[in-house]
Structures are given as C-alpha cells and as structure tokens.
C-alpha cells in the first residue's frame, strides 16, 4: 500500500510502538513484555513502525499493523502541518 493511498484516519490506533526494525514483523511472538502489556490493557490493534514492512500480522488475538517509520513520520508531519494551516 502506498502511503498516499492510506487515509489518515486508518492510522488511528489504541497503541503505538515505534521501532526501526523488521524483527517483530517476522517474529511477532518476540516482544513478550509488549504483548503482556497489550493484553493487560485489552488492546487489540497496535500500530508498529518498521524499516520497510507494510501489513497486518496477528498474534494471540492482537493485530499488529506495520508501517515503515519514514511513512509514519511523514504522515504525522503532514497531519500536523495541515492542522497548523487550519488555525
């Protein structure tokens, strides 16, 4: 998916994990402390940044939505810039 095709509202998640690695995309069982936290807080959707992976990976009832860190930073910056222009 191209970041220009992704509506900003689709980035609204309950939790965000900033990473600059593809490790959790390839091995979603590894962040054990985070998985424990997400379960304890009853979080089902988590946005995780990566180097270049895009997609959704499910693990133990949690959906990890992966987006490249650069694309997330661009989208967040654009949204903030647009908000400033509205003021």
PDB file of N, CA and C in Angstrom:
ATOM      1  N   UNK A   1       0.843  -1.174   0.000  1.00  0.00           N
ATOM      2  CA  UNK A   1       0.000   0.000   0.000  1.00  0.00           C
ATOM      3  C   UNK A   1       0.889   1.239   0.000  1.00  0.00           C
ATOM      4  N   UNK A   2       0.592   2.159  -0.831  1.00  0.00           N
ATOM      5  CA  UNK A   2       1.296   3.417  -0.905  1.00  0.00           C
ATOM      6  C   UNK A   2       0.775   4.333   0.196  1.00  0.00           C
ATOM      7  N   UNK A   3       1.663   5.044   0.873  1.00  0.00           N
ATOM      8  CA  UNK A   3       1.249   5.916   1.980  1.00  0.00           C
ATOM      9  C   UNK A   3       0.260   6.980   1.505  1.00  0.00           C
ATOM     10  N   UNK A   4       0.365   7.401   0.246  1.00  0.00           N
ATOM     11  CA  UNK A   4      -0.565   8.400  -0.271  1.00  0.00           C
ATOM     12  C   UNK A   4      -1.971   7.833  -0.394  1.00  0.00           C
ATOM     13  N   UNK A   5      -2.098   6.520  -0.495  1.00  0.00           N
ATOM     14  CA  UNK A   5      -3.406   5.887  -0.603  1.00  0.00           C
ATOM     15  C   UNK A   5      -4.037   5.642   0.764  1.00  0.00           C
ATOM     16  N   UNK A   6      -3.247   5.726   1.832  1.00  0.00           N
ATOM     17  CA  UNK A   6      -3.744   5.403   3.160  1.00  0.00           C
ATOM     18  C   UNK A   6      -4.388   6.632   3.793  1.00  0.00           C
ATOM     19  N   UNK A   7      -5.675   6.578   4.099  1.00  0.00           N
ATOM     20  CA  UNK A   7      -6.303   7.714   4.762  1.00  0.00           C
ATOM     21  C   UNK A   7      -5.730   7.882   6.169  1.00  0.00           C
ATOM     22  N   UNK A   8      -5.598   9.120   6.607  1.00  0.00           N
ATOM     23  CA  UNK A   8      -5.029   9.385   7.928  1.00  0.00           C
ATOM     24  C   UNK A   8      -5.827   8.714   9.031  1.00  0.00           C
ATOM     25  N   UNK A   9      -7.118   8.628   8.862  1.00  0.00           N
ATOM     26  CA  UNK A   9      -7.926   8.010   9.913  1.00  0.00           C
ATOM     27  C   UNK A   9      -7.580   6.536  10.114  1.00  0.00           C
ATOM     28  N   UNK A  10      -6.996   5.894   9.107  1.00  0.00           N
ATOM     29  CA  UNK A  10      -6.640   4.487   9.257  1.00  0.00           C
ATOM     30  C   UNK A  10      -5.445   4.310  10.185  1.00  0.00           C
ATOM     31  N   UNK A  11      -4.730   5.388  10.475  1.00  0.00           N
ATOM     32  CA  UNK A  11      -3.585   5.309  11.380  1.00  0.00           C
ATOM     33  C   UNK A  11      -3.994   5.471  12.838  1.00  0.00           C
ATOM     34  N   UNK A  12      -5.264   5.714  13.095  1.00  0.00           N
ATOM     35  CA  UNK A  12      -5.717   5.847  14.487  1.00  0.00           C
ATOM     36  C   UNK A  12      -5.735   4.469  15.132  1.00  0.00           C
ATOM     37  N   UNK A  13      -4.915   4.331  16.118  1.00  0.00           N
ATOM     38  CA  UNK A  13      -4.812   3.069  16.831  1.00  0.00           C
ATOM     39  C   UNK A  13      -4.882   3.358  18.320  1.00  0.00           C
ATOM     40  N   UNK A  14      -5.034   2.329  19.077  1.00  0.00           N
ATOM     41  CA  UNK A  14      -5.033   2.488  20.527  1.00  0.00           C
ATOM     42  C   UNK A  14      -3.625   2.500  21.094  1.00  0.00           C
ATOM     43  N   UNK A  15      -2.706   1.878  20.411  1.00  0.00           N
ATOM     44  CA  UNK A  15      -1.330   1.804  20.894  1.00  0.00           C
ATOM     45  C   UNK A  15      -0.382   1.980  19.716  1.00  0.00           C
ATOM     46  N   UNK A  16       0.776   2.521  20.021  1.00  0.00           N
ATOM     47  CA  UNK A  16       1.796   2.752  19.001  1.00  0.00           C
ATOM     48  C   UNK A  16       3.131   2.296  19.552  1.00  0.00           C
ATOM     49  N   UNK A  17       3.826   1.520  18.778  1.00  0.00           N
ATOM     50  CA  UNK A  17       5.160   1.051  19.147  1.00  0.00           C
ATOM     51  C   UNK A  17       6.116   1.508  18.052  1.00  0.00           C
ATOM     52  N   UNK A  18       7.032   2.403  18.405  1.00  0.00           N
ATOM     53  CA  UNK A  18       7.989   2.925  17.440  1.00  0.00           C
ATOM     54  C   UNK A  18       9.224   2.032  17.436  1.00  0.00           C
ATOM     55  N   UNK A  19       9.496   1.446  16.309  1.00  0.00           N
ATOM     56  CA  UNK A  19      10.668   0.586  16.129  1.00  0.00           C
ATOM     57  C   UNK A  19      11.290   0.920  14.785  1.00  0.00           C
ATOM     58  N   UNK A  20      12.590   0.697  14.665  1.00  0.00           N
ATOM     59  CA  UNK A  20      13.236   0.805  13.366  1.00  0.00           C
ATOM     60  C   UNK A  20      13.902  -0.534  13.084  1.00  0.00           C
ATOM     61  N   UNK A  21      13.053  -1.543  13.014  1.00  0.00           N
ATOM     62  CA  UNK A  21      13.487  -2.906  12.753  1.00  0.00           C
ATOM     63  C   UNK A  21      12.326  -3.660  12.120  1.00  0.00           C
ATOM     64  N   UNK A  22      12.634  -4.683  11.368  1.00  0.00           N
ATOM     65  CA  UNK A  22      11.604  -5.555  10.807  1.00  0.00           C
ATOM     66  C   UNK A  22      11.423  -6.811  11.645  1.00  0.00           C
ATOM     67  N   UNK A  23      12.132  -6.902  12.729  1.00  0.00           N
ATOM     68  CA  UNK A  23      12.162  -8.118  13.541  1.00  0.00           C
ATOM     69  C   UNK A  23      10.778  -8.566  14.001  1.00  0.00           C
ATOM     70  N   UNK A  24       9.959  -7.652  14.501  1.00  0.00           N
ATOM     71  CA  UNK A  24       8.652  -8.043  15.039  1.00  0.00           C
ATOM     72  C   UNK A  24       7.669  -8.401  13.931  1.00  0.00           C
ATOM     73  N   UNK A  25       7.890  -7.903  12.735  1.00  0.00           N
ATOM     74  CA  UNK A  25       7.059  -8.312  11.592  1.00  0.00           C
ATOM     75  C   UNK A  25       7.322  -9.782  11.282  1.00  0.00           C
ATOM     76  N   UNK A  26       8.583 -10.141  11.338  1.00  0.00           N
ATOM     77  CA  UNK A  26       8.977 -11.507  11.017  1.00  0.00           C
ATOM     78  C   UNK A  26       8.764 -12.466  12.186  1.00  0.00           C
ATOM     79  N   UNK A  27       8.826 -11.960  13.411  1.00  0.00           N
ATOM     80  CA  UNK A  27       8.664 -12.788  14.607  1.00  0.00           C
ATOM     81  C   UNK A  27       7.764 -12.069  15.618  1.00  0.00           C
ATOM     82  N   UNK A  28       6.454 -12.053  15.383  1.00  0.00           N
ATOM     83  CA  UNK A  28       5.555 -11.291  16.256  1.00  0.00           C
ATOM     84  C   UNK A  28       5.457 -11.825  17.682  1.00  0.00           C
ATOM     85  N   UNK A  29       5.995 -12.997  17.937  1.00  0.00           N
ATOM     86  CA  UNK A  29       5.943 -13.545  19.299  1.00  0.00           C
ATOM     87  C   UNK A  29       7.057 -13.008  20.185  1.00  0.00           C
ATOM     88  N   UNK A  30       8.018 -12.298  19.619  1.00  0.00           N
ATOM     89  CA  UNK A  30       9.190 -11.876  20.384  1.00  0.00           C
ATOM     90  C   UNK A  30       8.968 -10.754  21.390  1.00  0.00           C
ATOM     91  N   UNK A  31       8.172  -9.746  21.110  1.00  0.00           N
ATOM     92  CA  UNK A  31       8.038  -8.679  22.121  1.00  0.00           C
ATOM     93  C   UNK A  31       7.126  -9.105  23.276  1.00  0.00           C
ATOM     94  N   UNK A  32       7.587 -10.048  24.074  1.00  0.00           N
ATOM     95  CA  UNK A  32       6.750 -10.660  25.118  1.00  0.00           C
ATOM     96  C   UNK A  32       6.219  -9.657  26.137  1.00  0.00           C
ATOM     97  N   UNK A  33       7.044  -8.705  26.556  1.00  0.00           N
ATOM     98  CA  UNK A  33       6.599  -7.709  27.538  1.00  0.00           C
ATOM     99  C   UNK A  33       5.511  -6.835  26.932  1.00  0.00           C
ATOM    100  N   UNK A  34       5.683  -6.461  25.661  1.00  0.00           N
ATOM    101  CA  UNK A  34       4.672  -5.643  25.000  1.00  0.00           C
ATOM    102  C   UNK A  34       3.368  -6.411  24.838  1.00  0.00           C
ATOM    103  N   UNK A  35       3.455  -7.672  24.450  1.00  0.00           N
ATOM    104  CA  UNK A  35       2.249  -8.490  24.298  1.00  0.00           C
ATOM    105  C   UNK A  35       1.521  -8.599  25.627  1.00  0.00           C
ATOM    106  N   UNK A  36       2.264  -8.793  26.696  1.00  0.00           N
ATOM    107  CA  UNK A  36       1.667  -8.851  28.038  1.00  0.00           C
ATOM    108  C   UNK A  36       0.964  -7.530  28.364  1.00  0.00           C
ATOM    109  N   UNK A  37       1.610  -6.412  28.046  1.00  0.00           N
ATOM    110  CA  UNK A  37       1.021  -5.089  28.288  1.00  0.00           C
ATOM    111  C   UNK A  37      -0.253  -4.904  27.482  1.00  0.00           C
ATOM    112  N   UNK A  38      -0.206  -5.264  26.189  1.00  0.00           N
ATOM    113  CA  UNK A  38      -1.379  -5.094  25.335  1.00  0.00           C
ATOM    114  C   UNK A  38      -2.546  -5.927  25.844  1.00  0.00           C
ATOM    115  N   UNK A  39      -2.260  -7.142  26.294  1.00  0.00           N
ATOM    116  CA  UNK A  39      -3.323  -7.997  26.820  1.00  0.00           C
ATOM    117  C   UNK A  39      -3.894  -7.435  28.114  1.00  0.00           C
ATOM    118  N   UNK A  40      -3.015  -6.970  28.981  1.00  0.00           N
ATOM    119  CA  UNK A  40      -3.448  -6.429  30.268  1.00  0.00           C
ATOM    120  C   UNK A  40      -4.333  -5.195  30.071  1.00  0.00           C
ATOM    121  N   UNK A  41      -4.010  -4.399  29.049  1.00  0.00           N
ATOM    122  CA  UNK A  41      -4.792  -3.190  28.753  1.00  0.00           C
ATOM    123  C   UNK A  41      -5.930  -3.450  27.769  1.00  0.00           C
ATOM    124  N   UNK A  42      -6.086  -4.708  27.379  1.00  0.00           N
ATOM    125  CA  UNK A  42      -7.140  -5.117  26.448  1.00  0.00           C
ATOM    126  C   UNK A  42      -7.055  -4.380  25.108  1.00  0.00           C
ATOM    127  N   UNK A  43      -5.831  -4.232  24.618  1.00  0.00           N
ATOM    128  CA  UNK A  43      -5.611  -3.584  23.321  1.00  0.00           C
ATOM    129  C   UNK A  43      -5.570  -4.649  22.238  1.00  0.00           C
ATOM    130  N   UNK A  44      -6.329  -4.449  21.205  1.00  0.00           N
ATOM    131  CA  UNK A  44      -6.411  -5.436  20.123  1.00  0.00           C
ATOM    132  C   UNK A  44      -5.697  -4.977  18.862  1.00  0.00           C
ATOM    133  N   UNK A  45      -5.561  -3.667  18.669  1.00  0.00           N
ATOM    134  CA  UNK A  45      -4.928  -3.112  17.473  1.00  0.00           C
ATOM    135  C   UNK A  45      -3.742  -2.265  17.878  1.00  0.00           C
ATOM    136  N   UNK A  46      -2.601  -2.581  17.312  1.00  0.00           N
ATOM    137  CA  UNK A  46      -1.372  -1.884  17.649  1.00  0.00           C
ATOM    138  C   UNK A  46      -0.672  -1.477  16.359  1.00  0.00           C
ATOM    139  N   UNK A  47      -0.284  -0.223  16.271  1.00  0.00           N
ATOM    140  CA  UNK A  47       0.497   0.243  15.136  1.00  0.00           C
ATOM    141  C   UNK A  47       1.965   0.132  15.514  1.00  0.00           C
ATOM    142  N   UNK A  48       2.733  -0.539  14.671  1.00  0.00           N
ATOM    143  CA  UNK A  48       4.157  -0.745  14.912  1.00  0.00           C
ATOM    144  C   UNK A  48       4.909  -0.236  13.689  1.00  0.00           C
ATOM    145  N   UNK A  49       5.902   0.617  13.920  1.00  0.00           N
ATOM    146  CA  UNK A  49       6.708   1.058  12.788  1.00  0.00           C
ATOM    147  C   UNK A  49       7.796   0.025  12.519  1.00  0.00           C
ATOM    148  N   UNK A  50       8.271   0.031  11.297  1.00  0.00           N
ATOM    149  CA  UNK A  50       9.292  -0.915  10.859  1.00  0.00           C
ATOM    150  C   UNK A  50      10.261  -0.181   9.933  1.00  0.00           C
ATOM    151  N   UNK A  51      11.210  -0.898   9.410  1.00  0.00           N
ATOM    152  CA  UNK A  51      12.108  -0.290   8.424  1.00  0.00           C
ATOM    153  C   UNK A  51      11.375  -0.111   7.100  1.00  0.00           C
ATOM    154  N   UNK A  52      10.796  -1.205   6.589  1.00  0.00           N
ATOM    155  CA  UNK A  52      10.143  -1.130   5.285  1.00  0.00           C
ATOM    156  C   UNK A  52       8.962  -2.079   5.126  1.00  0.00           C
ATOM    157  N   UNK A  53       8.504  -2.687   6.195  1.00  0.00           N
ATOM    158  CA  UNK A  53       7.397  -3.646   6.107  1.00  0.00           C
ATOM    159  C   UNK A  53       6.055  -2.939   6.252  1.00  0.00           C
ATOM    160  N   UNK A  54       5.099  -3.374   5.437  1.00  0.00           N
ATOM    161  CA  UNK A  54       3.722  -2.881   5.497  1.00  0.00           C
ATOM    162  C   UNK A  54       2.820  -4.098   5.562  1.00  0.00           C
ATOM    163  N   UNK A  55       1.897  -4.096   6.487  1.00  0.00           N
ATOM    164  CA  UNK A  55       0.961  -5.206   6.557  1.00  0.00           C
ATOM    165  C   UNK A  55       0.443  -5.416   7.965  1.00  0.00           C
ATOM    166  N   UNK A  56      -0.416  -6.397   8.082  1.00  0.00           N
ATOM    167  CA  UNK A  56      -1.013  -6.740   9.373  1.00  0.00           C
ATOM    168  C   UNK A  56      -0.600  -8.160   9.720  1.00  0.00           C
ATOM    169  N   UNK A  57      -0.108  -8.317  10.928  1.00  0.00           N
ATOM    170  CA  UNK A  57       0.294  -9.630  11.431  1.00  0.00           C
ATOM    171  C   UNK A  57      -0.462  -9.867  12.731  1.00  0.00           C
ATOM    172  N   UNK A  58      -1.178 -10.969  12.807  1.00  0.00           N
ATOM    173  CA  UNK A  58      -1.912 -11.307  14.021  1.00  0.00           C
ATOM    174  C   UNK A  58      -1.130 -12.258  14.891  1.00  0.00           C
ATOM    175  N   UNK A  59      -1.265 -12.079  16.208  1.00  0.00           N
ATOM    176  CA  UNK A  59      -0.629 -12.980  17.156  1.00  0.00           C
ATOM    177  C   UNK A  59      -1.398 -12.933  18.463  1.00  0.00           C
ATOM    178  N   UNK A  60      -1.885 -14.071  18.908  1.00  0.00           N
ATOM    179  CA  UNK A  60      -2.614 -14.216  20.172  1.00  0.00           C
ATOM    180  C   UNK A  60      -3.719 -13.170  20.337  1.00  0.00           C
ATOM    181  N   UNK A  61      -4.471 -12.964  19.271  1.00  0.00           N
ATOM    182  CA  UNK A  61      -5.618 -12.058  19.338  1.00  0.00           C
ATOM    183  C   UNK A  61      -5.279 -10.584  19.187  1.00  0.00           C
ATOM    184  N   UNK A  62      -4.025 -10.276  18.963  1.00  0.00           N
ATOM    185  CA  UNK A  62      -3.596  -8.891  18.774  1.00  0.00           C
ATOM    186  C   UNK A  62      -3.229  -8.703  17.310  1.00  0.00           C
ATOM    187  N   UNK A  63      -3.709  -7.627  16.716  1.00  0.00           N
ATOM    188  CA  UNK A  63      -3.354  -7.317  15.334  1.00  0.00           C
ATOM    189  C   UNK A  63      -2.296  -6.224  15.343  1.00  0.00           C
ATOM    190  N   UNK A  64      -1.131  -6.565  14.843  1.00  0.00           N
ATOM    191  CA  UNK A  64      -0.048  -5.608  14.700  1.00  0.00           C
ATOM    192  C   UNK A  64      -0.118  -5.050  13.280  1.00  0.00           C
ATOM    193  N   UNK A  65      -0.340  -3.751  13.151  1.00  0.00           N
ATOM    194  CA  UNK A  65      -0.350  -3.118  11.841  1.00  0.00           C
ATOM    195  C   UNK A  65       1.016  -2.467  11.650  1.00  0.00           C
ATOM    196  N   UNK A  66       1.758  -2.949  10.670  1.00  0.00           N
ATOM    197  CA  UNK A  66       3.111  -2.464  10.430  1.00  0.00           C
ATOM    198  C   UNK A  66       3.112  -1.412   9.337  1.00  0.00           C
ATOM    199  N   UNK A  67       3.912  -0.375   9.567  1.00  0.00           N
ATOM    200  CA  UNK A  67       4.058   0.731   8.642  1.00  0.00           C
ATOM    201  C   UNK A  67       5.503   1.212   8.741  1.00  0.00           C
ATOM    202  N   UNK A  68       6.163   1.480   7.624  1.00  0.00           N
ATOM    203  CA  UNK A  68       7.539   1.979   7.709  1.00  0.00           C
ATOM    204  C   UNK A  68       7.611   3.261   8.543  1.00  0.00           C
ATOM    205  N   UNK A  69       8.656   3.361   9.355  1.00  0.00           N
ATOM    206  CA  UNK A  69       8.825   4.515  10.242  1.00  0.00           C
ATOM    207  C   UNK A  69       8.838   5.821   9.450  1.00  0.00           C
ATOM    208  N   UNK A  70       9.487   5.824   8.297  1.00  0.00           N
ATOM    209  CA  UNK A  70       9.545   7.044   7.482  1.00  0.00           C
ATOM    210  C   UNK A  70       8.150   7.454   7.012  1.00  0.00           C
ATOM    211  N   UNK A  71       7.329   6.483   6.626  1.00  0.00           N
ATOM    212  CA  UNK A  71       5.969   6.786   6.173  1.00  0.00           C
ATOM    213  C   UNK A  71       5.127   7.310   7.334  1.00  0.00           C
ATOM    214  N   UNK A  72       5.301   6.737   8.506  1.00  0.00           N
ATOM    215  CA  UNK A  72       4.554   7.212   9.677  1.00  0.00           C
ATOM    216  C   UNK A  72       4.970   8.638  10.018  1.00  0.00           C
ATOM    217  N   UNK A  73       6.283   8.901  10.023  1.00  0.00           N
ATOM    218  CA  UNK A  73       6.778  10.240  10.340  1.00  0.00           C
ATOM    219  C   UNK A  73       6.259  11.263   9.322  1.00  0.00           C
ATOM    220  N   UNK A  74       6.268  10.893   8.043  1.00  0.00           N
ATOM    221  CA  UNK A  74       5.752  11.784   7.004  1.00  0.00           C
ATOM    222  C   UNK A  74       4.268  12.068   7.234  1.00  0.00           C
ATOM    223  N   UNK A  75       3.492  11.014   7.481  1.00  0.00           N
ATOM    224  CA  UNK A  75       2.049  11.168   7.668  1.00  0.00           C
ATOM    225  C   UNK A  75       1.738  12.028   8.883  1.00  0.00           C
ATOM    226  N   UNK A  76       2.444  11.782   9.971  1.00  0.00           N
ATOM    227  CA  UNK A  76       2.237  12.572  11.182  1.00  0.00           C
ATOM    228  C   UNK A  76       2.617  14.032  10.941  1.00  0.00           C
ATOM    229  N   UNK A  77       3.760  14.253  10.284  1.00  0.00           N
ATOM    230  CA  UNK A  77       4.190  15.617   9.979  1.00  0.00           C
ATOM    231  C   UNK A  77       3.208  16.339   9.080  1.00  0.00           C
ATOM    232  N   UNK A  78       2.699  15.634   8.073  1.00  0.00           N
ATOM    233  CA  UNK A  78       1.718  16.232   7.163  1.00  0.00           C
ATOM    234  C   UNK A  78       0.447  16.600   7.901  1.00  0.00           C
ATOM    235  N   UNK A  79       0.007  15.711   8.761  1.00  0.00           N
ATOM    236  CA  UNK A  79      -1.214  15.977   9.529  1.00  0.00           C
ATOM    237  C   UNK A  79      -1.026  17.192  10.438  1.00  0.00           C
ATOM    238  N   UNK A  80       0.113  17.275  11.084  1.00  0.00           N
ATOM    239  CA  UNK A  80       0.391  18.410  11.972  1.00  0.00           C
ATOM    240  C   UNK A  80       0.499  19.707  11.165  1.00  0.00           C
ATOM    241  N   UNK A  81       1.123  19.636  10.007  1.00  0.00           N
ATOM    242  CA  UNK A  81       1.240  20.803   9.143  1.00  0.00           C
ATOM    243  C   UNK A  81      -0.143  21.278   8.677  1.00  0.00           C
ATOM    244  N   UNK A  82      -0.976  20.330   8.292  1.00  0.00           N
ATOM    245  CA  UNK A  82      -2.337  20.671   7.867  1.00  0.00           C
ATOM    246  C   UNK A  82      -3.134  21.300   9.000  1.00  0.00           C
ATOM    247  N   UNK A  83      -2.934  20.801  10.213  1.00  0.00           N
ATOM    248  CA  UNK A  83      -3.645  21.352  11.367  1.00  0.00           C
ATOM    249  C   UNK A  83      -3.199  22.789  11.640  1.00  0.00           C
ATOM    250  N   UNK A  84      -1.908  23.068  11.478  1.00  0.00           N
ATOM    251  CA  UNK A  84      -1.405  24.427  11.677  1.00  0.00           C
ATOM    252  C   UNK A  84      -1.981  25.383  10.640  1.00  0.00           C
ATOM    253  N   UNK A  85      -2.156  24.882   9.418  1.00  0.00           N
ATOM    254  CA  UNK A  85      -2.689  25.731   8.348  1.00  0.00           C
ATOM    255  C   UNK A  85      -4.140  26.070   8.594  1.00  0.00           C
ATOM    256  N   UNK A  86      -4.859  25.235   9.329  1.00  0.00           N
ATOM    257  CA  UNK A  86      -6.273  25.492   9.608  1.00  0.00           C
ATOM    258  C   UNK A  86      -6.463  26.551  10.684  1.00  0.00           C
ATOM    259  N   UNK A  87      -5.430  26.779  11.469  1.00  0.00           N
ATOM    260  CA  UNK A  87      -5.564  27.769  12.571  1.00  0.00           C
ATOM    261  C   UNK A  87      -5.487  29.171  12.079  1.00  0.00           C
TER     262      UNK A  87
END
